[in-house]
PDB file of N, CA and C in Angstrom:
ATOM      1  N   MET A   1     -14.413  29.241  31.404  1.00  0.00           N
ATOM      2  CA  MET A   1     -13.560  30.335  30.253  1.00  0.00           C
ATOM      3  C   MET A   1     -14.154  28.857  29.415  1.00  0.00           C
ATOM      4  N   ASP A   2     -14.038  29.529  28.202  1.00  0.00           N
ATOM      5  CA  ASP A   2     -14.199  28.101  27.076  1.00  0.00           C
ATOM      6  C   ASP A   2     -12.504  28.069  26.784  1.00  0.00           C
ATOM      7  N   ILE A   3     -12.607  26.824  25.865  1.00  0.00           N
ATOM      8  CA  ILE A   3     -11.169  26.539  25.082  1.00  0.00           C
ATOM      9  C   ILE A   3     -10.640  27.344  23.798  1.00  0.00           C
ATOM     10  N   GLN A   4     -11.497  27.884  23.641  1.00  0.00           N
ATOM     11  CA  GLN A   4     -11.375  28.724  22.274  1.00  0.00           C
ATOM     12  C   GLN A   4     -10.390  30.129  22.476  1.00  0.00           C
ATOM     13  N   LYS A   5     -11.263  30.858  23.900  1.00  0.00           N
ATOM     14  CA  LYS A   5     -10.846  31.914  24.338  1.00  0.00           C
ATOM     15  C   LYS A   5      -9.702  31.759  25.154  1.00  0.00           C
ATOM     16  N   THR A   6      -9.456  30.607  25.659  1.00  0.00           N
ATOM     17  CA  THR A   6      -8.068  30.577  26.301  1.00  0.00           C
ATOM     18  C   THR A   6      -7.203  30.275  25.032  1.00  0.00           C
ATOM     19  N   ARG A   7      -7.256  29.386  24.199  1.00  0.00           N
ATOM     20  CA  ARG A   7      -6.335  28.963  23.432  1.00  0.00           C
ATOM     21  C   ARG A   7      -6.082  30.227  22.801  1.00  0.00           C
ATOM     22  N   LYS A   8      -6.618  31.412  22.535  1.00  0.00           N
ATOM     23  CA  LYS A   8      -6.228  32.608  21.822  1.00  0.00           C
ATOM     24  C   LYS A   8      -6.002  33.382  22.828  1.00  0.00           C
ATOM     25  N   GLN A   9      -5.977  33.619  23.919  1.00  0.00           N
ATOM     26  CA  GLN A   9      -4.897  34.356  25.252  1.00  0.00           C
ATOM     27  C   GLN A   9      -3.376  33.859  24.831  1.00  0.00           C
ATOM     28  N   CYS A  10      -4.202  32.428  25.028  1.00  0.00           N
ATOM     29  CA  CYS A  10      -2.463  31.843  25.261  1.00  0.00           C
ATOM     30  C   CYS A  10      -1.314  32.002  24.206  1.00  0.00           C
ATOM     31  N   THR A  11      -1.780  32.429  22.946  1.00  0.00           N
ATOM     32  CA  THR A  11      -1.256  32.435  21.650  1.00  0.00           C
ATOM     33  C   THR A  11      -0.863  34.101  21.571  1.00  0.00           C
ATOM     34  N   LEU A  12      -2.193  34.562  21.961  1.00  0.00           N
ATOM     35  CA  LEU A  12      -1.663  36.293  21.868  1.00  0.00           C
ATOM     36  C   LEU A  12      -0.557  36.482  23.112  1.00  0.00           C
ATOM     37  N   HIS A  13      -0.244  35.985  24.239  1.00  0.00           N
ATOM     38  CA  HIS A  13       0.193  36.296  25.448  1.00  0.00           C
ATOM     39  C   HIS A  13       1.586  35.871  25.140  1.00  0.00           C
ATOM     40  N   GLY A  14       1.685  34.782  24.372  1.00  0.00           N
ATOM     41  CA  GLY A  14       2.845  34.285  23.685  1.00  0.00           C
ATOM     42  C   GLY A  14       3.630  34.760  23.028  1.00  0.00           C
ATOM     43  N   PHE A  15       3.260  35.453  22.016  1.00  0.00           N
ATOM     44  CA  PHE A  15       3.462  35.661  20.832  1.00  0.00           C
ATOM     45  C   PHE A  15       4.035  37.317  21.665  1.00  0.00           C
ATOM     46  N   VAL A  16       3.111  38.118  22.380  1.00  0.00           N
ATOM     47  CA  VAL A  16       3.754  39.552  22.808  1.00  0.00           C
ATOM     48  C   VAL A  16       5.183  39.051  23.880  1.00  0.00           C
ATOM     49  N   GLY A  17       4.962  38.013  24.580  1.00  0.00           N
ATOM     50  CA  GLY A  17       5.874  38.003  25.520  1.00  0.00           C
ATOM     51  C   GLY A  17       7.253  37.436  24.939  1.00  0.00           C
ATOM     52  N   LEU A  18       7.534  37.210  22.902  1.00  0.00           N
ATOM     53  CA  LEU A  18       8.174  36.790  22.850  1.00  0.00           C
ATOM     54  C   LEU A  18       8.745  37.969  22.081  1.00  0.00           C
ATOM     55  N   LEU A  19       8.678  38.545  21.830  1.00  0.00           N
ATOM     56  CA  LEU A  19       8.286  40.236  20.945  1.00  0.00           C
ATOM     57  C   LEU A  19       9.216  41.208  22.322  1.00  0.00           C
ATOM     58  N   PHE A  20       8.766  41.145  23.169  1.00  0.00           N
ATOM     59  CA  PHE A  20       9.020  41.797  24.512  1.00  0.00           C
ATOM     60  C   PHE A  20      10.442  41.319  24.764  1.00  0.00           C
ATOM     61  N   LEU A  21      10.430  39.827  24.852  1.00  0.00           N
ATOM     62  CA  LEU A  21      11.855  39.164  25.113  1.00  0.00           C
ATOM     63  C   LEU A  21      13.135  39.187  24.549  1.00  0.00           C
ATOM     64  N   SER A  22      12.414  39.379  23.002  1.00  0.00           N
ATOM     65  CA  SER A  22      13.749  39.531  21.816  1.00  0.00           C
ATOM     66  C   SER A  22      14.222  41.430  21.903  1.00  0.00           C
ATOM     67  N   LEU A  23      13.353  42.266  22.170  1.00  0.00           N
ATOM     68  CA  LEU A  23      13.613  43.266  21.929  1.00  0.00           C
ATOM     69  C   LEU A  23      14.145  43.588  23.500  1.00  0.00           C
ATOM     70  N   GLY A  24      14.146  42.418  24.284  1.00  0.00           N
ATOM     71  CA  GLY A  24      15.289  43.614  25.941  1.00  0.00           C
ATOM     72  C   GLY A  24      16.528  42.666  25.367  1.00  0.00           C
ATOM     73  N   VAL A  25      16.542  41.696  24.782  1.00  0.00           N
ATOM     74  CA  VAL A  25      18.197  40.860  24.457  1.00  0.00           C
ATOM     75  C   VAL A  25      18.593  41.813  23.586  1.00  0.00           C
ATOM     76  N   ALA A  26      17.856  42.249  22.676  1.00  0.00           N
ATOM     77  CA  ALA A  26      18.195  43.776  21.170  1.00  0.00           C
ATOM     78  C   ALA A  26      18.646  44.859  22.106  1.00  0.00           C
ATOM     79  N   LEU A  27      17.949  44.855  22.941  1.00  0.00           N
ATOM     80  CA  LEU A  27      18.655  46.552  23.740  1.00  0.00           C
ATOM     81  C   LEU A  27      19.319  46.164  24.339  1.00  0.00           C
ATOM     82  N   ILE A  28      19.629  45.221  25.598  1.00  0.00           N
ATOM     83  CA  ILE A  28      20.885  44.947  26.185  1.00  0.00           C
ATOM     84  C   ILE A  28      22.275  44.620  25.323  1.00  0.00           C
ATOM     85  N   ALA A  29      22.151  43.785  24.202  1.00  0.00           N
ATOM     86  CA  ALA A  29      23.110  43.870  23.628  1.00  0.00           C
ATOM     87  C   ALA A  29      24.167  44.805  22.941  1.00  0.00           C
ATOM     88  N   ASP A  30      22.595  45.808  22.423  1.00  0.00           N
ATOM     89  CA  ASP A  30      23.362  46.694  22.323  1.00  0.00           C
ATOM     90  C   ASP A  30      24.075  48.293  23.316  1.00  0.00           C
ATOM     91  N   GLY A  31      22.827  48.172  24.027  1.00  0.00           N
ATOM     92  CA  GLY A  31      23.945  48.684  25.011  1.00  0.00           C
ATOM     93  C   GLY A  31      24.883  48.397  25.417  1.00  0.00           C
ATOM     94  N   THR A  32      25.310  47.303  25.536  1.00  0.00           N
ATOM     95  CA  THR A  32      26.685  46.245  25.942  1.00  0.00           C
ATOM     96  C   THR A  32      28.216  46.620  24.500  1.00  0.00           C
ATOM     97  N   TYR A  33      27.516  47.334  23.429  1.00  0.00           N
ATOM     98  CA  TYR A  33      28.371  47.357  22.376  1.00  0.00           C
ATOM     99  C   TYR A  33      28.926  48.766  22.642  1.00  0.00           C
ATOM    100  N   ARG A  34      27.806  49.750  23.110  1.00  0.00           N
ATOM    101  CA  ARG A  34      27.227  51.351  22.772  1.00  0.00           C
ATOM    102  C   ARG A  34      28.566  51.525  24.486  1.00  0.00           C
ATOM    103  N   ARG A  35      28.456  50.959  25.377  1.00  0.00           N
ATOM    104  CA  ARG A  35      29.015  50.935  26.788  1.00  0.00           C
ATOM    105  C   ARG A  35      31.167  50.695  25.891  1.00  0.00           C
ATOM    106  N   ILE A  36      31.235  49.610  25.176  1.00  0.00           N
ATOM    107  CA  ILE A  36      32.769  49.553  24.956  1.00  0.00           C
ATOM    108  C   ILE A  36      32.723  50.649  23.605  1.00  0.00           C
ATOM    109  N   SER A  37      31.982  51.057  23.009  1.00  0.00           N
ATOM    110  CA  SER A  37      32.926  51.805  21.624  1.00  0.00           C
ATOM    111  C   SER A  37      32.493  53.546  22.270  1.00  0.00           C
ATOM    112  N   GLU A  38      31.302  53.550  22.980  1.00  0.00           N
ATOM    113  CA  GLU A  38      31.331  55.181  23.448  1.00  0.00           C
ATOM    114  C   GLU A  38      31.454  55.421  24.747  1.00  0.00           C
ATOM    115  N   SER A  39      31.875  57.090  24.832  1.00  0.00           N
ATOM    116  CA  SER A  39      32.233  57.114  26.423  1.00  0.00           C
ATOM    117  C   SER A  39      30.868  58.135  26.796  1.00  0.00           C
ATOM    118  N   VAL A  40      29.849  58.330  25.811  1.00  0.00           N
ATOM    119  CA  VAL A  40      28.605  58.688  26.924  1.00  0.00           C
ATOM    120  C   VAL A  40      27.806  57.518  27.812  1.00  0.00           C
ATOM    121  N   VAL A  41      28.005  57.537  29.065  1.00  0.00           N
ATOM    122  CA  VAL A  41      27.917  57.156  30.180  1.00  0.00           C
ATOM    123  C   VAL A  41      26.254  57.085  30.117  1.00  0.00           C
ATOM    124  N   GLU A  42      25.774  57.582  30.034  1.00  0.00           N
ATOM    125  CA  GLU A  42      23.919  58.319  30.045  1.00  0.00           C
ATOM    126  C   GLU A  42      23.160  56.871  29.155  1.00  0.00           C
ATOM    127  N   LEU A  43      23.585  56.940  27.993  1.00  0.00           N
ATOM    128  CA  LEU A  43      22.704  56.670  26.653  1.00  0.00           C
ATOM    129  C   LEU A  43      23.100  54.627  27.032  1.00  0.00           C
ATOM    130  N   TRP A  44      23.974  54.126  27.202  1.00  0.00           N
ATOM    131  CA  TRP A  44      24.225  52.939  27.423  1.00  0.00           C
ATOM    132  C   TRP A  44      23.734  52.345  28.454  1.00  0.00           C
ATOM    133  N   MET A  45      23.597  53.094  29.844  1.00  0.00           N
ATOM    134  CA  MET A  45      22.624  52.709  31.349  1.00  0.00           C
ATOM    135  C   MET A  45      21.307  52.391  30.560  1.00  0.00           C
ATOM    136  N   ALA A  46      21.340  54.003  30.290  1.00  0.00           N
ATOM    137  CA  ALA A  46      19.129  54.124  29.919  1.00  0.00           C
ATOM    138  C   ALA A  46      19.129  52.547  28.838  1.00  0.00           C
ATOM    139  N   GLU A  47      20.077  52.181  28.047  1.00  0.00           N
ATOM    140  CA  GLU A  47      19.768  51.242  26.469  1.00  0.00           C
ATOM    141  C   GLU A  47      19.614  50.289  27.678  1.00  0.00           C
ATOM    142  N   ILE A  48      20.823  49.633  28.691  1.00  0.00           N
ATOM    143  CA  ILE A  48      20.932  48.351  29.361  1.00  0.00           C
ATOM    144  C   ILE A  48      19.413  48.136  30.556  1.00  0.00           C
ATOM    145  N   GLY A  49      18.951  50.074  31.066  1.00  0.00           N
ATOM    146  CA  GLY A  49      18.304  49.409  31.506  1.00  0.00           C
ATOM    147  C   GLY A  49      16.807  49.534  30.638  1.00  0.00           C
ATOM    148  N   LEU A  50      16.212  49.640  29.809  1.00  0.00           N
ATOM    149  CA  LEU A  50      15.202  49.663  28.916  1.00  0.00           C
ATOM    150  C   LEU A  50      14.977  47.981  28.787  1.00  0.00           C
ATOM    151  N   GLY A  51      16.413  47.710  28.790  1.00  0.00           N
ATOM    152  CA  GLY A  51      16.094  46.215  27.442  1.00  0.00           C
ATOM    153  C   GLY A  51      16.124  44.828  28.927  1.00  0.00           C
ATOM    154  N   PHE A  52      16.660  45.705  30.093  1.00  0.00           N
ATOM    155  CA  PHE A  52      16.560  44.983  31.317  1.00  0.00           C
ATOM    156  C   PHE A  52      15.126  44.641  31.331  1.00  0.00           C
ATOM    157  N   VAL A  53      14.174  45.815  31.020  1.00  0.00           N
ATOM    158  CA  VAL A  53      12.658  46.131  31.966  1.00  0.00           C
ATOM    159  C   VAL A  53      12.136  45.254  30.888  1.00  0.00           C
ATOM    160  N   ALA A  54      12.172  45.503  29.517  1.00  0.00           N
ATOM    161  CA  ALA A  54      11.190  44.852  28.644  1.00  0.00           C
ATOM    162  C   ALA A  54      11.537  43.716  28.401  1.00  0.00           C
ATOM    163  N   GLY A  55      12.904  42.418  29.232  1.00  0.00           N
ATOM    164  CA  GLY A  55      13.189  41.172  29.510  1.00  0.00           C
ATOM    165  C   GLY A  55      11.654  41.258  30.237  1.00  0.00           C
ATOM    166  N   LEU A  56      11.962  41.898  31.296  1.00  0.00           N
ATOM    167  CA  LEU A  56      11.308  41.070  32.357  1.00  0.00           C
ATOM    168  C   LEU A  56       9.770  41.292  32.026  1.00  0.00           C
ATOM    169  N   ILE A  57       9.459  42.350  31.154  1.00  0.00           N
ATOM    170  CA  ILE A  57       8.051  42.213  30.629  1.00  0.00           C
ATOM    171  C   ILE A  57       7.813  40.931  29.796  1.00  0.00           C
ATOM    172  N   GLY A  58       8.624  40.401  29.225  1.00  0.00           N
ATOM    173  CA  GLY A  58       8.774  39.513  27.843  1.00  0.00           C
ATOM    174  C   GLY A  58       8.376  38.087  29.187  1.00  0.00           C
ATOM    175  N   LEU A  59       9.442  38.270  29.801  1.00  0.00           N
ATOM    176  CA  LEU A  59       8.900  36.876  30.665  1.00  0.00           C
ATOM    177  C   LEU A  59       7.929  36.898  31.650  1.00  0.00           C
ATOM    178  N   LEU A  60       7.077  38.027  32.207  1.00  0.00           N
ATOM    179  CA  LEU A  60       5.589  38.250  32.644  1.00  0.00           C
ATOM    180  C   LEU A  60       5.068  38.086  31.455  1.00  0.00           C
ATOM    181  N   PHE A  61       4.574  38.061  30.583  1.00  0.00           N
ATOM    182  CA  PHE A  61       4.030  37.736  29.524  1.00  0.00           C
ATOM    183  C   PHE A  61       3.645  35.970  29.303  1.00  0.00           C
ATOM    184  N   PHE A  62       5.513  35.675  29.199  1.00  0.00           N
ATOM    185  CA  PHE A  62       5.541  33.948  28.675  1.00  0.00           C
ATOM    186  C   PHE A  62       4.903  33.587  29.816  1.00  0.00           C
ATOM    187  N   GLY A  63       4.809  33.666  31.461  1.00  0.00           N
ATOM    188  CA  GLY A  63       4.299  33.824  32.457  1.00  0.00           C
ATOM    189  C   GLY A  63       2.646  33.529  32.220  1.00  0.00           C
ATOM    190  N   SER A  64       1.827  34.472  31.682  1.00  0.00           N
ATOM    191  CA  SER A  64       0.752  33.914  31.552  1.00  0.00           C
ATOM    192  C   SER A  64       0.458  33.329  30.407  1.00  0.00           C
ATOM    193  N   ALA A  65       1.015  33.676  29.428  1.00  0.00           N
ATOM    194  CA  ALA A  65       1.118  32.510  28.375  1.00  0.00           C
ATOM    195  C   ALA A  65       0.861  30.783  29.238  1.00  0.00           C
ATOM    196  N   VAL A  66       1.665  30.831  29.909  1.00  0.00           N
ATOM    197  CA  VAL A  66       1.814  29.323  30.051  1.00  0.00           C
ATOM    198  C   VAL A  66       0.466  28.351  31.547  1.00  0.00           C
ATOM    199  N   ARG A  67       0.128  30.171  32.423  1.00  0.00           N
ATOM    200  CA  ARG A  67      -0.956  30.493  33.264  1.00  0.00           C
ATOM    201  C   ARG A  67      -2.273  29.590  31.684  1.00  0.00           C
ATOM    202  N   PHE A  68      -2.412  30.045  30.964  1.00  0.00           N
ATOM    203  CA  PHE A  68      -3.515  30.042  29.713  1.00  0.00           C
ATOM    204  C   PHE A  68      -3.158  28.482  29.295  1.00  0.00           C
ATOM    205  N   LEU A  69      -1.815  27.948  29.291  1.00  0.00           N
ATOM    206  CA  LEU A  69      -2.113  26.782  28.725  1.00  0.00           C
ATOM    207  C   LEU A  69      -2.384  25.550  30.047  1.00  0.00           C
ATOM    208  N   VAL A  70      -2.263  25.998  30.989  1.00  0.00           N
ATOM    209  CA  VAL A  70      -2.259  25.186  32.474  1.00  0.00           C
ATOM    210  C   VAL A  70      -4.062  25.795  32.782  1.00  0.00           C
ATOM    211  N   HIS A  71      -4.879  26.356  31.822  1.00  0.00           N
ATOM    212  CA  HIS A  71      -5.982  26.308  32.323  1.00  0.00           C
ATOM    213  C   HIS A  71      -6.772  25.456  30.831  1.00  0.00           C
ATOM    214  N   MET A  72      -5.891  25.477  30.112  1.00  0.00           N
ATOM    215  CA  MET A  72      -6.555  24.787  28.592  1.00  0.00           C
ATOM    216  C   MET A  72      -6.669  23.401  29.171  1.00  0.00           C
ATOM    217  N   ASP A  73      -5.487  23.346  29.727  1.00  0.00           N
ATOM    218  CA  ASP A  73      -5.440  21.135  30.079  1.00  0.00           C
ATOM    219  C   ASP A  73      -6.347  21.346  31.366  1.00  0.00           C
ATOM    220  N   ARG A  74      -7.063  22.115  31.874  1.00  0.00           N
ATOM    221  CA  ARG A  74      -7.646  21.869  33.399  1.00  0.00           C
ATOM    222  C   ARG A  74      -9.142  21.770  32.701  1.00  0.00           C
ATOM    223  N   ILE A  75      -9.452  22.469  31.170  1.00  0.00           N
ATOM    224  CA  ILE A  75     -10.699  22.789  30.911  1.00  0.00           C
ATOM    225  C   ILE A  75     -11.168  21.668  29.910  1.00  0.00           C
ATOM    226  N   ALA A  76      -9.389  20.754  29.436  1.00  0.00           N
ATOM    227  CA  ALA A  76     -10.044  19.531  29.014  1.00  0.00           C
ATOM    228  C   ALA A  76     -10.203  18.408  30.020  1.00  0.00           C
ATOM    229  N   GLU A  77      -9.575  18.663  30.805  1.00  0.00           N
ATOM    230  CA  GLU A  77      -9.792  17.463  31.874  1.00  0.00           C
ATOM    231  C   GLU A  77     -10.808  17.241  32.831  1.00  0.00           C
ATOM    232  N   TYR A  78     -11.494  18.746  32.956  1.00  0.00           N
ATOM    233  CA  TYR A  78     -12.462  18.938  33.879  1.00  0.00           C
ATOM    234  C   TYR A  78     -14.057  18.425  32.638  1.00  0.00           C
ATOM    235  N   ALA A  79     -13.633  18.288  31.241  1.00  0.00           N
ATOM    236  CA  ALA A  79     -14.837  17.980  29.874  1.00  0.00           C
ATOM    237  C   ALA A  79     -14.859  16.753  30.187  1.00  0.00           C
ATOM    238  N   GLU A  80     -13.720  16.368  30.313  1.00  0.00           N
ATOM    239  CA  GLU A  80     -13.453  14.667  30.023  1.00  0.00           C
ATOM    240  C   GLU A  80     -14.248  13.877  31.881  1.00  0.00           C
ATOM    241  N   ARG A  81     -13.530  14.398  32.585  1.00  0.00           N
ATOM    242  CA  ARG A  81     -14.457  14.009  33.840  1.00  0.00           C
ATOM    243  C   ARG A  81     -16.265  14.341  33.862  1.00  0.00           C
ATOM    244  N   ARG A  82     -16.832  15.297  33.148  1.00  0.00           N
ATOM    245  CA  ARG A  82     -18.273  15.305  33.499  1.00  0.00           C
ATOM    246  C   ARG A  82     -18.465  14.302  32.309  1.00  0.00           C
ATOM    247  N   GLN A  83     -18.243  13.683  31.675  1.00  0.00           N
ATOM    248  CA  GLN A  83     -18.468  13.279  30.344  1.00  0.00           C
ATOM    249  C   GLN A  83     -18.276  11.647  30.807  1.00  0.00           C
ATOM    250  N   ARG A  84     -16.996  11.405  31.758  1.00  0.00           N
ATOM    251  CA  ARG A  84     -16.969   9.790  32.499  1.00  0.00           C
ATOM    252  C   ARG A  84     -18.253   9.724  33.946  1.00  0.00           C
ATOM    253  N   LYS A  85     -18.146  11.125  34.144  1.00  0.00           N
ATOM    254  CA  LYS A  85     -19.748  11.142  35.173  1.00  0.00           C
ATOM    255  C   LYS A  85     -21.176  10.888  34.970  1.00  0.00           C
ATOM    256  N   HIS A  86     -21.330  11.405  33.845  1.00  0.00           N
ATOM    257  CA  HIS A  86     -22.802  11.389  33.123  1.00  0.00           C
ATOM    258  C   HIS A  86     -22.736   9.876  32.234  1.00  0.00           C
ATOM    259  N   ARG A  87     -20.963   9.314  31.931  1.00  0.00           N
ATOM    260  CA  ARG A  87     -22.122   8.279  31.027  1.00  0.00           C
ATOM    261  C   ARG A  87     -22.034   6.988  32.629  1.00  0.00           C
ATOM    262  N   LYS A  88     -21.349   7.272  33.737  1.00  0.00           N
ATOM    263  CA  LYS A  88     -21.604   6.160  34.705  1.00  0.00           C
ATOM    264  C   LYS A  88     -23.068   6.483  34.971  1.00  0.00           C
ATOM    265  N   SER A  89     -23.430   7.889  35.264  1.00  0.00           N
ATOM    266  CA  SER A  89     -24.957   7.942  35.767  1.00  0.00           C
ATOM    267  C   SER A  89     -25.856   7.298  34.981  1.00  0.00           C
ATOM    268  N   SER A  90     -25.675   7.137  33.360  1.00  0.00           N
ATOM    269  CA  SER A  90     -26.447   6.863  32.812  1.00  0.00           C
ATOM    270  C   SER A  90     -26.458   5.221  32.080  1.00  0.00           C
ATOM    271  N   ARG A  91     -25.644   4.669  33.135  1.00  0.00           N
ATOM    272  CA  ARG A  91     -25.353   2.883  32.934  1.00  0.00           C
ATOM    273  C   ARG A  91     -26.772   2.641  33.695  1.00  0.00           C
ATOM    274  N   LYS A  92     -27.188   1.359  33.306  1.00  0.00           N
ATOM    275  CA  LYS A  92     -28.113   0.953  34.149  1.00  0.00           C
ATOM    276  C   LYS A  92     -26.685  -0.220  34.833  1.00  0.00           C
ATOM    277  N   PRO A  93     -27.320  -0.804  35.896  1.00  0.00           N
ATOM    278  CA  PRO A  93     -26.566  -1.193  37.063  1.00  0.00           C
ATOM    279  C   PRO A  93     -26.397  -3.447  36.543  1.00  0.00           C
ATOM    280  N   VAL A  94     -25.114  -3.057  36.752  1.00  0.00           N
ATOM    281  CA  VAL A  94     -24.986  -4.771  35.783  1.00  0.00           C
ATOM    282  C   VAL A  94     -25.910  -5.912  36.621  1.00  0.00           C
ATOM    283  N   LEU A  95     -25.294  -5.849  37.890  1.00  0.00           N
ATOM    284  CA  LEU A  95     -25.678  -7.160  38.966  1.00  0.00           C
ATOM    285  C   LEU A  95     -27.715  -6.580  39.091  1.00  0.00           C
ATOM    286  N   PRO A  96     -28.031  -7.802  38.994  1.00  0.00           N
ATOM    287  CA  PRO A  96     -29.671  -7.477  39.678  1.00  0.00           C
ATOM    288  C   PRO A  96     -29.575  -7.194  41.561  1.00  0.00           C
ATOM    289  N   GLN A  97     -30.903  -6.171  41.767  1.00  0.00           N
ATOM    290  CA  GLN A  97     -30.887  -5.830  43.069  1.00  0.00           C
ATOM    291  C   GLN A  97     -31.418  -7.111  43.829  1.00  0.00           C
ATOM    292  N   LYS A  98     -31.870  -7.558  43.556  1.00  0.00           N
ATOM    293  CA  LYS A  98     -32.899  -9.377  44.503  1.00  0.00           C
ATOM    294  C   LYS A  98     -32.679 -10.495  43.942  1.00  0.00           C
ATOM    295  N   GLU A  99     -32.626 -10.962  45.004  1.00  0.00           N
ATOM    296  CA  GLU A  99     -32.754 -12.802  43.498  1.00  0.00           C
ATOM    297  C   GLU A  99     -33.880 -13.121  43.423  1.00  0.00           C
ATOM    298  N   ALA A 100     -34.709 -12.548  43.257  1.00  0.00           N
ATOM    299  CA  ALA A 100     -35.779 -12.771  42.585  1.00  0.00           C
ATOM    300  C   ALA A 100     -35.921 -12.259  40.876  1.00  0.00           C
ATOM    301  N   GLU A 101     -35.360 -11.413  40.933  1.00  0.00           N
ATOM    302  CA  GLU A 101     -34.648 -10.545  39.477  1.00  0.00           C
ATOM    303  C   GLU A 101     -33.714 -11.434  38.784  1.00  0.00           C
ATOM    304  N   ILE A 102     -32.977 -12.531  39.168  1.00  0.00           N
ATOM    305  CA  ILE A 102     -32.134 -13.269  38.456  1.00  0.00           C
ATOM    306  C   ILE A 102     -32.627 -13.976  37.476  1.00  0.00           C
ATOM    307  N   ARG A 103     -32.442 -14.387  35.665  1.00  0.00           N
ATOM    308  CA  ARG A 103     -32.896 -14.644  35.064  1.00  0.00           C
ATOM    309  C   ARG A 103     -31.441 -15.691  34.808  1.00  0.00           C
ATOM    310  N   PRO A 104     -31.956 -16.906  33.778  1.00  0.00           N
ATOM    311  CA  PRO A 104     -31.134 -17.501  33.417  1.00  0.00           C
ATOM    312  C   PRO A 104     -30.071 -17.171  32.551  1.00  0.00           C
ATOM    313  N   LEU A 105     -28.930 -17.631  32.367  1.00  0.00           N
ATOM    314  CA  LEU A 105     -27.738 -17.442  31.348  1.00  0.00           C
ATOM    315  C   LEU A 105     -28.617 -17.624  29.533  1.00  0.00           C
ATOM    316  N   HIS A 106     -28.882 -19.213  29.858  1.00  0.00           N
ATOM    317  CA  HIS A 106     -29.863 -19.228  28.942  1.00  0.00           C
ATOM    318  C   HIS A 106     -31.221 -19.823  29.050  1.00  0.00           C
ATOM    319  N   ARG A 107     -31.682 -19.395  27.485  1.00  0.00           N
ATOM    320  CA  ARG A 107     -33.785 -19.634  27.503  1.00  0.00           C
ATOM    321  C   ARG A 107     -33.619 -20.602  28.007  1.00  0.00           C
ATOM    322  N   ASN A 108     -33.091 -21.754  27.680  1.00  0.00           N
ATOM    323  CA  ASN A 108     -33.817 -23.195  27.609  1.00  0.00           C
ATOM    324  C   ASN A 108     -32.880 -23.244  29.220  1.00  0.00           C
ATOM    325  N   GLU A 109     -31.915 -23.173  29.923  1.00  0.00           N
ATOM    326  CA  GLU A 109     -31.953 -23.432  31.193  1.00  0.00           C
ATOM    327  C   GLU A 109     -33.072 -23.419  32.162  1.00  0.00           C
ATOM    328  N   PRO A 110     -33.113 -24.213  32.965  1.00  0.00           N
ATOM    329  CA  PRO A 110     -34.420 -23.972  33.942  1.00  0.00           C
ATOM    330  C   PRO A 110     -33.496 -22.964  35.600  1.00  0.00           C
ATOM    331  N   ARG A 111     -34.284 -22.254  35.863  1.00  0.00           N
ATOM    332  CA  ARG A 111     -34.124 -21.613  36.826  1.00  0.00           C
ATOM    333  C   ARG A 111     -34.778 -22.747  37.964  1.00  0.00           C
ATOM    334  N   LEU A 112     -33.110 -22.349  38.946  1.00  0.00           N
ATOM    335  CA  LEU A 112     -32.762 -23.217  40.113  1.00  0.00           C
ATOM    336  C   LEU A 112     -34.037 -22.721  41.271  1.00  0.00           C
ATOM    337  N   GLN A 113     -34.728 -23.807  41.854  1.00  0.00           N
ATOM    338  CA  GLN A 113     -35.378 -23.200  42.737  1.00  0.00           C
ATOM    339  C   GLN A 113     -34.668 -23.619  44.153  1.00  0.00           C
ATOM    340  N   PRO A 114     -34.964 -22.497  45.560  1.00  0.00           N
ATOM    341  CA  PRO A 114     -34.559 -22.818  46.360  1.00  0.00           C
ATOM    342  C   PRO A 114     -34.982 -24.150  47.112  1.00  0.00           C
ATOM    343  N   LEU A 115     -33.643 -24.683  47.653  1.00  0.00           N
ATOM    344  CA  LEU A 115     -34.004 -25.786  48.621  1.00  0.00           C
ATOM    345  C   LEU A 115     -34.578 -26.009  49.369  1.00  0.00           C
ATOM    346  N   ASN A 116     -35.548 -26.837  49.887  1.00  0.00           N
ATOM    347  CA  ASN A 116     -36.259 -26.563  50.919  1.00  0.00           C
ATOM    348  C   ASN A 116     -35.525 -28.375  51.644  1.00  0.00           C
ATOM    349  N   VAL A 117     -35.003 -27.402  52.991  1.00  0.00           N
ATOM    350  CA  VAL A 117     -34.286 -28.208  54.189  1.00  0.00           C
ATOM    351  C   VAL A 117     -35.254 -28.566  55.268  1.00  0.00           C
ATOM    352  N   GLU A 118     -36.504 -28.169  55.326  1.00  0.00           N
ATOM    353  CA  GLU A 118     -37.532 -28.695  56.605  1.00  0.00           C
ATOM    354  C   GLU A 118     -37.202 -30.178  56.724  1.00  0.00           C
ATOM    355  N   GLY A 119     -37.542 -30.952  55.554  1.00  0.00           N
ATOM    356  CA  GLY A 119     -38.075 -32.405  55.974  1.00  0.00           C
ATOM    357  C   GLY A 119     -36.581 -33.674  55.583  1.00  0.00           C
ATOM    358  N   ILE A 120     -35.465 -33.090  54.896  1.00  0.00           N
ATOM    359  CA  ILE A 120     -34.291 -33.745  55.798  1.00  0.00           C
ATOM    360  C   ILE A 120     -34.107 -33.877  57.412  1.00  0.00           C
TER     361      ILE A 120
END
């Protein structure tokens, strides 16, 4: 998955989730008003039932939007981890491998010779 597609899916699912959730709240509120004002039982029961269903679908889409949000974070984290790994592997080692490769810090400074301890 790329970040642009994931961002688009997150926005779309978030918008659809908000739409369904607000529709569910509106249907539940209208159903409760109909329960108080009208005597037809089937109408307000169906409206409140549809409101609950729409609200749950809205929550489902919001959960999907959060899932895509987590995917975006993961994509960014993996990209950063790959860059760090690439930078680390492309770096030359700082410390020399052998003692013979040691160079003096200053050009005028003489290199120290190993001490001969046989004659002491």
